[in-house]
Amino acid sequence: MNRILIFMAEGVEEVEALTVVDLLRRQKCDIDMVTINDSRLVTGSHNIIFSADKSITEADLGSYDVLVIPGGLKGTQNLKQEPVVLNTIRDFDAAGKLICAICAGPTVLAAAGITNGRNISSYPGTEEDLNGGIPHPEKEVSVDGNIITSRGLGTAIPFALSIIEYLFGKEAAEEMQKKIVYNVTG
């Protein structure tokens, strides 16, 4: 089974983070929300407080197969300032592990130095901060090798479905889409 790590920092965009967690848990994935400080409590960008599964000091970061970076301006700024986060991103990329980022999250990948020459969807206005990444503002979700990126809160469901498709195939993503009644007609 794929073990998934989603980093949480103060100021995280709640919907972007929790939509991914929700859909991946519905898919029966083992996903841990990991805070970048010693507390498991996180205050999101809209002052919603929730509890993560582990703190960064409790998690064995190398044991995960997939990494997710949610957005939120303050949250991504906090992630960029944490050397363990940047090193984990580099380690995942070097190992060819799946790395996913949404909204301003791709700027954290850029800060880690892994976006140069890669196709990236990100929040409008962050294109200048992609460190050589090729912006795709016309795409809800971009998949480039082991990197999946997406534009923002409004694309959180397609982003999570793209992760499911990458890990389990198109049929699994379509089945999840039906289960959650997303873009289903009839």
N, C-alpha and C. Protein backbone atom coordinates (compact mmCIF):
# COMPACT_ATOMS: atom_id res chain seq x y z
N MET A 1 0.84 -1.18 0.00
CA MET A 1 0.00 0.00 0.00
C MET A 1 0.89 1.25 0.00
N ASN A 2 0.43 2.27 -0.69
CA ASN A 2 1.17 3.53 -0.72
C ASN A 2 0.96 4.30 0.59
N ARG A 3 2.06 4.66 1.23
CA ARG A 3 1.99 5.49 2.44
C ARG A 3 2.16 6.93 1.99
N ILE A 4 1.25 7.79 2.43
CA ILE A 4 1.21 9.17 1.95
C ILE A 4 1.43 10.13 3.11
N LEU A 5 2.28 11.11 2.87
CA LEU A 5 2.61 12.16 3.82
C LEU A 5 2.06 13.48 3.29
N ILE A 6 1.29 14.19 4.11
CA ILE A 6 0.87 15.53 3.75
C ILE A 6 1.34 16.47 4.85
N PHE A 7 2.20 17.40 4.47
CA PHE A 7 2.73 18.36 5.44
C PHE A 7 1.68 19.42 5.75
N MET A 8 1.57 19.75 7.03
CA MET A 8 0.66 20.79 7.50
C MET A 8 1.45 21.85 8.25
N ALA A 9 1.18 23.10 7.92
CA ALA A 9 1.83 24.22 8.63
C ALA A 9 0.77 25.24 8.99
N GLU A 10 1.05 26.04 9.99
CA GLU A 10 0.14 27.12 10.34
C GLU A 10 -0.16 27.93 9.08
N GLY A 11 -1.45 28.20 8.84
CA GLY A 11 -1.85 28.95 7.66
C GLY A 11 -2.14 28.10 6.45
N VAL A 12 -2.20 26.78 6.60
CA VAL A 12 -2.53 25.89 5.50
C VAL A 12 -3.96 26.20 5.01
N GLU A 13 -4.18 26.07 3.72
CA GLU A 13 -5.54 26.22 3.17
C GLU A 13 -6.28 24.93 3.51
N GLU A 14 -7.25 25.04 4.39
CA GLU A 14 -7.93 23.88 4.94
C GLU A 14 -8.56 22.99 3.87
N VAL A 15 -9.30 23.56 2.95
CA VAL A 15 -10.02 22.76 1.95
C VAL A 15 -9.04 22.00 1.06
N GLU A 16 -7.97 22.64 0.65
CA GLU A 16 -6.99 21.97 -0.21
C GLU A 16 -6.36 20.78 0.49
N ALA A 17 -6.06 20.94 1.76
CA ALA A 17 -5.44 19.86 2.51
C ALA A 17 -6.44 18.75 2.83
N LEU A 18 -7.56 19.12 3.41
CA LEU A 18 -8.49 18.11 3.91
C LEU A 18 -9.27 17.41 2.82
N THR A 19 -9.46 18.04 1.67
CA THR A 19 -10.10 17.35 0.54
C THR A 19 -9.22 16.18 0.09
N VAL A 20 -7.94 16.44 -0.02
CA VAL A 20 -7.00 15.38 -0.42
C VAL A 20 -7.00 14.26 0.62
N VAL A 21 -6.92 14.63 1.89
CA VAL A 21 -6.92 13.62 2.95
C VAL A 21 -8.21 12.80 2.89
N ASP A 22 -9.33 13.47 2.79
CA ASP A 22 -10.63 12.79 2.76
C ASP A 22 -10.72 11.80 1.59
N LEU A 23 -10.43 12.26 0.38
CA LEU A 23 -10.59 11.38 -0.78
C LEU A 23 -9.59 10.22 -0.76
N LEU A 24 -8.38 10.47 -0.30
CA LEU A 24 -7.40 9.38 -0.25
C LEU A 24 -7.76 8.37 0.84
N ARG A 25 -8.32 8.84 1.94
CA ARG A 25 -8.78 7.88 2.96
C ARG A 25 -9.98 7.09 2.47
N ARG A 26 -10.86 7.72 1.69
CA ARG A 26 -11.98 6.98 1.10
C ARG A 26 -11.45 5.89 0.16
N GLN A 27 -10.29 6.15 -0.44
CA GLN A 27 -9.64 5.19 -1.34
C GLN A 27 -8.88 4.13 -0.56
N LYS A 28 -8.96 4.22 0.77
CA LYS A 28 -8.28 3.28 1.69
C LYS A 28 -6.77 3.46 1.70
N CYS A 29 -6.31 4.68 1.43
CA CYS A 29 -4.89 4.98 1.50
C CYS A 29 -4.49 5.27 2.94
N ASP A 30 -3.27 4.99 3.25
CA ASP A 30 -2.67 5.31 4.54
C ASP A 30 -2.03 6.68 4.39
N ILE A 31 -2.74 7.74 4.81
CA ILE A 31 -2.23 9.10 4.67
C ILE A 31 -2.11 9.73 6.05
N ASP A 32 -0.94 10.27 6.36
CA ASP A 32 -0.70 10.94 7.62
C ASP A 32 -0.57 12.43 7.40
N MET A 33 -1.34 13.19 8.18
CA MET A 33 -1.17 14.63 8.24
C MET A 33 -0.05 14.88 9.26
N VAL A 34 1.01 15.54 8.82
CA VAL A 34 2.19 15.75 9.67
C VAL A 34 2.46 17.24 9.79
N THR A 35 2.43 17.74 11.02
CA THR A 35 2.72 19.15 11.26
C THR A 35 4.23 19.36 11.23
N ILE A 36 4.63 20.60 10.93
CA ILE A 36 6.07 20.88 10.86
C ILE A 36 6.61 21.42 12.18
N ASN A 37 5.80 21.34 13.23
CA ASN A 37 6.29 21.75 14.56
C ASN A 37 6.04 20.60 15.53
N ASP A 38 6.25 20.83 16.80
CA ASP A 38 6.10 19.76 17.79
C ASP A 38 4.66 19.49 18.20
N SER A 39 3.75 20.39 17.86
CA SER A 39 2.35 20.21 18.21
C SER A 39 1.61 19.54 17.06
N ARG A 40 0.57 18.79 17.39
CA ARG A 40 -0.27 18.19 16.35
C ARG A 40 -1.40 19.13 15.92
N LEU A 41 -1.62 20.20 16.67
CA LEU A 41 -2.67 21.14 16.32
C LEU A 41 -2.20 22.11 15.25
N VAL A 42 -3.09 22.38 14.30
CA VAL A 42 -2.79 23.30 13.20
C VAL A 42 -3.94 24.29 13.09
N THR A 43 -3.59 25.56 12.92
CA THR A 43 -4.61 26.57 12.64
C THR A 43 -4.48 26.93 11.16
N GLY A 44 -5.56 26.69 10.43
CA GLY A 44 -5.56 26.94 9.00
C GLY A 44 -5.68 28.41 8.67
N SER A 45 -5.68 28.69 7.38
CA SER A 45 -5.69 30.07 6.90
C SER A 45 -7.00 30.80 7.21
N HIS A 46 -8.04 30.05 7.56
CA HIS A 46 -9.32 30.66 7.90
C HIS A 46 -9.68 30.39 9.35
N ASN A 47 -8.65 30.24 10.17
CA ASN A 47 -8.78 30.06 11.62
C ASN A 47 -9.55 28.82 12.04
N ILE A 48 -9.51 27.80 11.20
CA ILE A 48 -10.08 26.50 11.57
C ILE A 48 -8.94 25.69 12.19
N ILE A 49 -9.17 25.24 13.39
CA ILE A 49 -8.14 24.47 14.10
C ILE A 49 -8.48 22.98 13.98
N PHE A 50 -7.49 22.20 13.59
CA PHE A 50 -7.69 20.76 13.50
C PHE A 50 -6.44 20.04 13.97
N SER A 51 -6.59 18.76 14.21
CA SER A 51 -5.49 17.96 14.73
C SER A 51 -4.91 17.08 13.63
N ALA A 52 -3.61 17.14 13.49
CA ALA A 52 -2.90 16.27 12.54
C ALA A 52 -2.65 14.91 13.20
N ASP A 53 -2.15 13.97 12.42
CA ASP A 53 -1.87 12.63 12.93
C ASP A 53 -0.56 12.54 13.68
N LYS A 54 0.43 13.32 13.22
CA LYS A 54 1.77 13.27 13.81
C LYS A 54 2.42 14.63 13.70
N SER A 55 3.41 14.84 14.54
CA SER A 55 4.28 16.01 14.37
C SER A 55 5.50 15.56 13.58
N ILE A 56 6.24 16.50 13.08
CA ILE A 56 7.41 16.19 12.25
C ILE A 56 8.45 15.37 13.02
N THR A 57 8.49 15.54 14.35
CA THR A 57 9.45 14.78 15.16
C THR A 57 9.00 13.34 15.40
N GLU A 58 7.71 13.06 15.15
CA GLU A 58 7.18 11.70 15.36
C GLU A 58 7.17 10.87 14.08
N ALA A 59 7.28 11.52 12.94
CA ALA A 59 7.12 10.82 11.66
C ALA A 59 8.47 10.34 11.11
N ASP A 60 8.46 9.14 10.54
CA ASP A 60 9.61 8.61 9.81
C ASP A 60 9.42 9.02 8.35
N LEU A 61 9.94 10.18 7.98
CA LEU A 61 9.66 10.78 6.68
C LEU A 61 10.10 9.92 5.51
N GLY A 62 11.14 9.15 5.69
CA GLY A 62 11.64 8.29 4.62
C GLY A 62 10.77 7.07 4.35
N SER A 63 9.82 6.80 5.23
CA SER A 63 8.98 5.61 5.08
C SER A 63 7.77 5.84 4.18
N TYR A 64 7.58 7.07 3.73
CA TYR A 64 6.42 7.39 2.89
C TYR A 64 6.76 7.25 1.41
N ASP A 65 5.72 6.98 0.62
CA ASP A 65 5.88 6.80 -0.82
C ASP A 65 5.40 8.00 -1.63
N VAL A 66 4.53 8.81 -1.03
CA VAL A 66 3.91 9.95 -1.71
C VAL A 66 3.97 11.15 -0.77
N LEU A 67 4.22 12.32 -1.34
CA LEU A 67 4.27 13.57 -0.56
C LEU A 67 3.28 14.56 -1.15
N VAL A 68 2.49 15.20 -0.28
CA VAL A 68 1.53 16.21 -0.70
C VAL A 68 1.83 17.52 0.03
N ILE A 69 1.85 18.61 -0.76
CA ILE A 69 2.06 19.96 -0.22
C ILE A 69 0.81 20.78 -0.53
N PRO A 70 0.00 21.10 0.50
CA PRO A 70 -1.17 21.94 0.26
C PRO A 70 -0.77 23.41 0.19
N GLY A 71 -1.70 24.24 -0.24
CA GLY A 71 -1.44 25.67 -0.35
C GLY A 71 -1.82 26.43 0.90
N GLY A 72 -2.11 27.69 0.68
CA GLY A 72 -2.33 28.64 1.76
C GLY A 72 -1.08 29.50 1.83
N LEU A 73 -1.22 30.80 1.62
CA LEU A 73 -0.04 31.67 1.53
C LEU A 73 0.86 31.56 2.76
N LYS A 74 0.28 31.74 3.94
CA LYS A 74 1.09 31.65 5.16
C LYS A 74 1.63 30.23 5.35
N GLY A 75 0.79 29.24 5.04
CA GLY A 75 1.23 27.86 5.19
C GLY A 75 2.42 27.53 4.31
N THR A 76 2.38 27.97 3.05
CA THR A 76 3.50 27.67 2.15
C THR A 76 4.75 28.45 2.55
N GLN A 77 4.57 29.67 3.05
CA GLN A 77 5.73 30.42 3.54
C GLN A 77 6.38 29.68 4.70
N ASN A 78 5.57 29.13 5.59
CA ASN A 78 6.10 28.37 6.72
C ASN A 78 6.80 27.09 6.25
N LEU A 79 6.23 26.42 5.25
CA LEU A 79 6.87 25.20 4.74
C LEU A 79 8.22 25.51 4.10
N LYS A 80 8.31 26.64 3.38
CA LYS A 80 9.57 27.02 2.72
C LYS A 80 10.68 27.31 3.72
N GLN A 81 10.32 27.67 4.92
CA GLN A 81 11.32 28.01 5.94
C GLN A 81 11.79 26.81 6.75
N GLU A 82 11.22 25.65 6.48
CA GLU A 82 11.57 24.45 7.24
C GLU A 82 12.52 23.57 6.41
N PRO A 83 13.81 23.53 6.78
CA PRO A 83 14.79 22.74 6.01
C PRO A 83 14.41 21.26 5.87
N VAL A 84 13.77 20.67 6.86
CA VAL A 84 13.38 19.26 6.77
C VAL A 84 12.38 19.06 5.64
N VAL A 85 11.46 20.00 5.46
CA VAL A 85 10.49 19.92 4.37
C VAL A 85 11.20 19.97 3.02
N LEU A 86 12.08 20.95 2.85
CA LEU A 86 12.79 21.10 1.57
C LEU A 86 13.66 19.88 1.28
N ASN A 87 14.33 19.36 2.28
CA ASN A 87 15.16 18.17 2.09
C ASN A 87 14.32 16.94 1.77
N THR A 88 13.14 16.84 2.39
CA THR A 88 12.25 15.71 2.11
C THR A 88 11.78 15.77 0.66
N ILE A 89 11.44 16.96 0.18
CA ILE A 89 11.03 17.12 -1.22
C ILE A 89 12.16 16.68 -2.15
N ARG A 90 13.37 17.11 -1.88
CA ARG A 90 14.52 16.73 -2.72
C ARG A 90 14.74 15.22 -2.69
N ASP A 91 14.63 14.62 -1.50
CA ASP A 91 14.82 13.17 -1.36
C ASP A 91 13.76 12.40 -2.14
N PHE A 92 12.50 12.84 -2.05
CA PHE A 92 11.42 12.18 -2.79
C PHE A 92 11.68 12.28 -4.29
N ASP A 93 12.07 13.46 -4.75
CA ASP A 93 12.31 13.64 -6.18
C ASP A 93 13.47 12.77 -6.65
N ALA A 94 14.54 12.74 -5.89
CA ALA A 94 15.70 11.93 -6.26
C ALA A 94 15.34 10.45 -6.35
N ALA A 95 14.40 10.02 -5.51
CA ALA A 95 13.97 8.62 -5.50
C ALA A 95 12.85 8.35 -6.51
N GLY A 96 12.38 9.39 -7.21
CA GLY A 96 11.30 9.22 -8.17
C GLY A 96 9.94 8.99 -7.54
N LYS A 97 9.81 9.34 -6.26
CA LYS A 97 8.53 9.18 -5.57
C LYS A 97 7.58 10.29 -6.00
N LEU A 98 6.28 10.01 -5.90
CA LEU A 98 5.25 10.96 -6.29
C LEU A 98 5.24 12.16 -5.33
N ILE A 99 5.24 13.37 -5.93
CA ILE A 99 5.18 14.63 -5.18
C ILE A 99 4.01 15.43 -5.75
N CYS A 100 3.12 15.89 -4.87
CA CYS A 100 1.92 16.60 -5.29
C CYS A 100 1.85 17.94 -4.56
N ALA A 101 1.45 19.00 -5.27
CA ALA A 101 1.35 20.32 -4.64
C ALA A 101 0.22 21.09 -5.30
N ILE A 102 -0.51 21.84 -4.50
CA ILE A 102 -1.67 22.59 -4.99
C ILE A 102 -1.57 24.05 -4.56
N CYS A 103 -2.12 24.93 -5.39
CA CYS A 103 -2.25 26.37 -5.13
C CYS A 103 -0.86 27.01 -5.06
N ALA A 104 -0.47 27.55 -3.92
CA ALA A 104 0.88 28.10 -3.76
C ALA A 104 1.89 27.01 -3.39
N GLY A 105 1.41 25.79 -3.19
CA GLY A 105 2.29 24.67 -2.86
C GLY A 105 3.42 24.43 -3.84
N PRO A 106 3.19 24.60 -5.16
CA PRO A 106 4.30 24.42 -6.09
C PRO A 106 5.48 25.37 -5.83
N THR A 107 5.24 26.52 -5.18
CA THR A 107 6.37 27.41 -4.86
C THR A 107 7.27 26.79 -3.80
N VAL A 108 6.72 25.87 -3.00
CA VAL A 108 7.55 25.14 -2.02
C VAL A 108 8.44 24.16 -2.79
N LEU A 109 7.89 23.52 -3.82
CA LEU A 109 8.70 22.64 -4.67
C LEU A 109 9.80 23.45 -5.35
N ALA A 110 9.45 24.67 -5.78
CA ALA A 110 10.44 25.55 -6.42
C ALA A 110 11.54 25.92 -5.43
N ALA A 111 11.17 26.20 -4.19
CA ALA A 111 12.16 26.54 -3.16
C ALA A 111 13.11 25.36 -2.90
N ALA A 112 12.60 24.15 -3.11
CA ALA A 112 13.44 22.95 -2.96
C ALA A 112 14.29 22.70 -4.20
N GLY A 113 14.02 23.46 -5.28
CA GLY A 113 14.84 23.37 -6.48
C GLY A 113 14.48 22.24 -7.43
N ILE A 114 13.21 21.81 -7.44
CA ILE A 114 12.87 20.66 -8.30
C ILE A 114 11.91 20.99 -9.44
N THR A 115 11.62 22.27 -9.68
CA THR A 115 10.62 22.62 -10.70
C THR A 115 11.19 22.99 -12.05
N ASN A 116 12.46 23.24 -12.16
CA ASN A 116 13.06 23.72 -13.40
C ASN A 116 12.76 22.77 -14.57
N GLY A 117 12.12 23.34 -15.62
CA GLY A 117 11.81 22.58 -16.82
C GLY A 117 10.59 21.69 -16.71
N ARG A 118 9.90 21.73 -15.58
CA ARG A 118 8.73 20.88 -15.39
C ARG A 118 7.44 21.68 -15.57
N ASN A 119 6.42 21.00 -16.07
CA ASN A 119 5.10 21.60 -16.28
C ASN A 119 4.40 21.73 -14.94
N ILE A 120 3.95 22.94 -14.62
CA ILE A 120 3.39 23.24 -13.31
C ILE A 120 2.09 24.02 -13.44
N SER A 121 1.05 23.59 -12.74
CA SER A 121 -0.17 24.38 -12.54
C SER A 121 -0.10 24.91 -11.11
N SER A 122 -0.38 26.20 -10.94
CA SER A 122 -0.30 26.81 -9.61
C SER A 122 -1.26 27.97 -9.53
N TYR A 123 -1.36 28.53 -8.35
CA TYR A 123 -2.26 29.65 -8.12
C TYR A 123 -1.86 30.83 -9.01
N PRO A 124 -2.84 31.51 -9.63
CA PRO A 124 -2.52 32.66 -10.48
C PRO A 124 -1.68 33.71 -9.72
N GLY A 125 -0.62 34.13 -10.36
CA GLY A 125 0.28 35.12 -9.76
C GLY A 125 1.52 34.50 -9.14
N THR A 126 1.57 33.17 -9.03
CA THR A 126 2.75 32.51 -8.47
C THR A 126 3.73 32.06 -9.54
N GLU A 127 3.37 32.30 -10.81
CA GLU A 127 4.21 31.81 -11.92
C GLU A 127 5.65 32.31 -11.84
N GLU A 128 5.83 33.52 -11.36
CA GLU A 128 7.18 34.11 -11.27
C GLU A 128 8.04 33.41 -10.21
N ASP A 129 7.38 32.65 -9.31
CA ASP A 129 8.09 32.00 -8.20
C ASP A 129 8.33 30.51 -8.44
N LEU A 130 8.23 30.07 -9.69
CA LEU A 130 8.32 28.64 -9.99
C LEU A 130 9.74 28.17 -10.30
N ASN A 131 10.72 29.06 -10.23
CA ASN A 131 12.13 28.66 -10.34
C ASN A 131 12.40 27.82 -11.59
N GLY A 132 11.97 28.36 -12.74
CA GLY A 132 12.21 27.66 -13.99
C GLY A 132 11.13 26.67 -14.38
N GLY A 133 10.11 26.54 -13.54
CA GLY A 133 8.98 25.67 -13.89
C GLY A 133 8.20 26.29 -15.05
N ILE A 134 7.58 25.47 -15.85
CA ILE A 134 6.80 25.95 -17.01
C ILE A 134 5.34 26.08 -16.57
N PRO A 135 4.85 27.31 -16.42
CA PRO A 135 3.49 27.49 -15.91
C PRO A 135 2.43 27.07 -16.92
N HIS A 136 1.37 26.47 -16.39
CA HIS A 136 0.22 26.07 -17.21
C HIS A 136 -1.06 26.58 -16.54
N PRO A 137 -1.31 27.89 -16.67
CA PRO A 137 -2.50 28.46 -16.02
C PRO A 137 -3.81 27.98 -16.62
N GLU A 138 -3.76 27.37 -17.80
CA GLU A 138 -4.97 26.88 -18.46
C GLU A 138 -5.40 25.51 -17.94
N LYS A 139 -4.54 24.84 -17.17
CA LYS A 139 -4.84 23.48 -16.71
C LYS A 139 -5.20 23.47 -15.23
N GLU A 140 -6.29 22.78 -14.90
CA GLU A 140 -6.64 22.58 -13.49
C GLU A 140 -5.54 21.80 -12.78
N VAL A 141 -5.05 20.77 -13.46
CA VAL A 141 -4.05 19.86 -12.90
C VAL A 141 -3.01 19.58 -13.98
N SER A 142 -1.74 19.60 -13.60
CA SER A 142 -0.65 19.20 -14.49
C SER A 142 0.05 17.99 -13.90
N VAL A 143 0.34 17.02 -14.76
CA VAL A 143 1.11 15.85 -14.35
C VAL A 143 2.37 15.84 -15.20
N ASP A 144 3.51 15.87 -14.55
CA ASP A 144 4.80 15.84 -15.25
C ASP A 144 5.69 14.83 -14.54
N GLY A 145 5.74 13.63 -15.07
CA GLY A 145 6.53 12.57 -14.43
C GLY A 145 5.98 12.26 -13.05
N ASN A 146 6.83 12.43 -12.04
CA ASN A 146 6.43 12.13 -10.66
C ASN A 146 5.87 13.34 -9.92
N ILE A 147 5.50 14.40 -10.66
CA ILE A 147 4.97 15.61 -10.01
C ILE A 147 3.57 15.92 -10.52
N ILE A 148 2.64 16.07 -9.57
CA ILE A 148 1.27 16.50 -9.87
C ILE A 148 1.06 17.84 -9.19
N THR A 149 0.59 18.84 -9.96
CA THR A 149 0.33 20.16 -9.39
C THR A 149 -1.05 20.63 -9.82
N SER A 150 -1.60 21.56 -9.03
CA SER A 150 -2.93 22.07 -9.32
C SER A 150 -3.06 23.52 -8.88
N ARG A 151 -4.12 24.19 -9.35
CA ARG A 151 -4.24 25.65 -9.27
C ARG A 151 -4.74 26.21 -7.95
N GLY A 152 -5.64 25.54 -7.24
CA GLY A 152 -6.15 26.15 -6.02
C GLY A 152 -7.37 25.46 -5.46
N LEU A 153 -7.98 26.09 -4.48
CA LEU A 153 -9.11 25.52 -3.76
C LEU A 153 -10.16 24.95 -4.71
N GLY A 154 -10.52 25.66 -5.75
CA GLY A 154 -11.53 25.21 -6.69
C GLY A 154 -11.14 23.98 -7.47
N THR A 155 -9.87 23.61 -7.44
CA THR A 155 -9.41 22.42 -8.16
C THR A 155 -8.98 21.30 -7.21
N ALA A 156 -9.35 21.41 -5.94
CA ALA A 156 -8.93 20.42 -4.95
C ALA A 156 -9.46 19.02 -5.27
N ILE A 157 -10.70 18.92 -5.74
CA ILE A 157 -11.24 17.60 -6.07
C ILE A 157 -10.54 17.01 -7.29
N PRO A 158 -10.42 17.75 -8.42
CA PRO A 158 -9.68 17.18 -9.55
C PRO A 158 -8.22 16.82 -9.18
N PHE A 159 -7.62 17.60 -8.31
CA PHE A 159 -6.25 17.33 -7.83
C PHE A 159 -6.22 15.98 -7.11
N ALA A 160 -7.11 15.79 -6.15
CA ALA A 160 -7.15 14.53 -5.40
C ALA A 160 -7.47 13.35 -6.32
N LEU A 161 -8.38 13.55 -7.26
CA LEU A 161 -8.71 12.48 -8.21
C LEU A 161 -7.51 12.14 -9.10
N SER A 162 -6.70 13.14 -9.43
CA SER A 162 -5.50 12.88 -10.23
C SER A 162 -4.49 12.05 -9.45
N ILE A 163 -4.41 12.28 -8.16
CA ILE A 163 -3.52 11.47 -7.31
C ILE A 163 -4.01 10.03 -7.29
N ILE A 164 -5.32 9.87 -7.13
CA ILE A 164 -5.90 8.52 -7.14
C ILE A 164 -5.65 7.83 -8.48
N GLU A 165 -5.84 8.56 -9.58
CA GLU A 165 -5.60 7.98 -10.90
C GLU A 165 -4.14 7.56 -11.06
N TYR A 166 -3.21 8.40 -10.62
CA TYR A 166 -1.78 8.09 -10.72
C TYR A 166 -1.47 6.80 -9.95
N LEU A 167 -2.04 6.67 -8.75
CA LEU A 167 -1.72 5.54 -7.88
C LEU A 167 -2.49 4.26 -8.21
N PHE A 168 -3.76 4.41 -8.64
CA PHE A 168 -4.64 3.25 -8.77
C PHE A 168 -5.26 3.07 -10.15
N GLY A 169 -5.05 4.04 -11.05
CA GLY A 169 -5.59 3.92 -12.39
C GLY A 169 -6.84 4.76 -12.61
N LYS A 170 -7.15 4.94 -13.88
CA LYS A 170 -8.27 5.79 -14.30
C LYS A 170 -9.60 5.26 -13.78
N GLU A 171 -9.79 3.96 -13.81
CA GLU A 171 -11.05 3.38 -13.36
C GLU A 171 -11.31 3.69 -11.88
N ALA A 172 -10.28 3.62 -11.05
CA ALA A 172 -10.43 3.93 -9.62
C ALA A 172 -10.81 5.39 -9.42
N ALA A 173 -10.19 6.28 -10.19
CA ALA A 173 -10.52 7.70 -10.09
C ALA A 173 -11.96 7.96 -10.54
N GLU A 174 -12.38 7.30 -11.61
CA GLU A 174 -13.75 7.47 -12.09
C GLU A 174 -14.76 6.93 -11.09
N GLU A 175 -14.43 5.82 -10.45
CA GLU A 175 -15.31 5.25 -9.42
C GLU A 175 -15.43 6.20 -8.23
N MET A 176 -14.31 6.80 -7.81
CA MET A 176 -14.36 7.77 -6.71
C MET A 176 -15.19 8.98 -7.12
N GLN A 177 -15.02 9.42 -8.33
CA GLN A 177 -15.79 10.56 -8.83
C GLN A 177 -17.29 10.28 -8.71
N LYS A 178 -17.69 9.07 -9.05
CA LYS A 178 -19.11 8.69 -8.93
C LYS A 178 -19.53 8.63 -7.47
N LYS A 179 -18.68 8.05 -6.62
CA LYS A 179 -19.02 7.92 -5.20
C LYS A 179 -19.27 9.27 -4.54
N ILE A 180 -18.49 10.27 -4.93
CA ILE A 180 -18.64 11.58 -4.30
C ILE A 180 -19.57 12.51 -5.08
N VAL A 181 -20.17 11.98 -6.16
CA VAL A 181 -21.10 12.71 -7.01
C VAL A 181 -20.45 14.00 -7.51
N TYR A 182 -19.28 13.85 -8.09
CA TYR A 182 -18.55 14.98 -8.64
C TYR A 182 -18.65 14.96 -10.16
N ASN A 183 -19.23 16.01 -10.74
CA ASN A 183 -19.40 16.14 -12.19
C ASN A 183 -20.09 14.91 -12.79
N VAL A 184 -21.06 14.39 -12.08
CA VAL A 184 -21.81 13.24 -12.56
C VAL A 184 -23.17 13.74 -13.05
N THR A 185 -23.51 13.38 -14.27
CA THR A 185 -24.80 13.80 -14.82
C THR A 185 -25.76 12.61 -14.81
N GLY A 186 -27.04 12.94 -14.85
CA GLY A 186 -28.04 11.88 -14.94
C GLY A 186 -28.68 11.54 -13.64
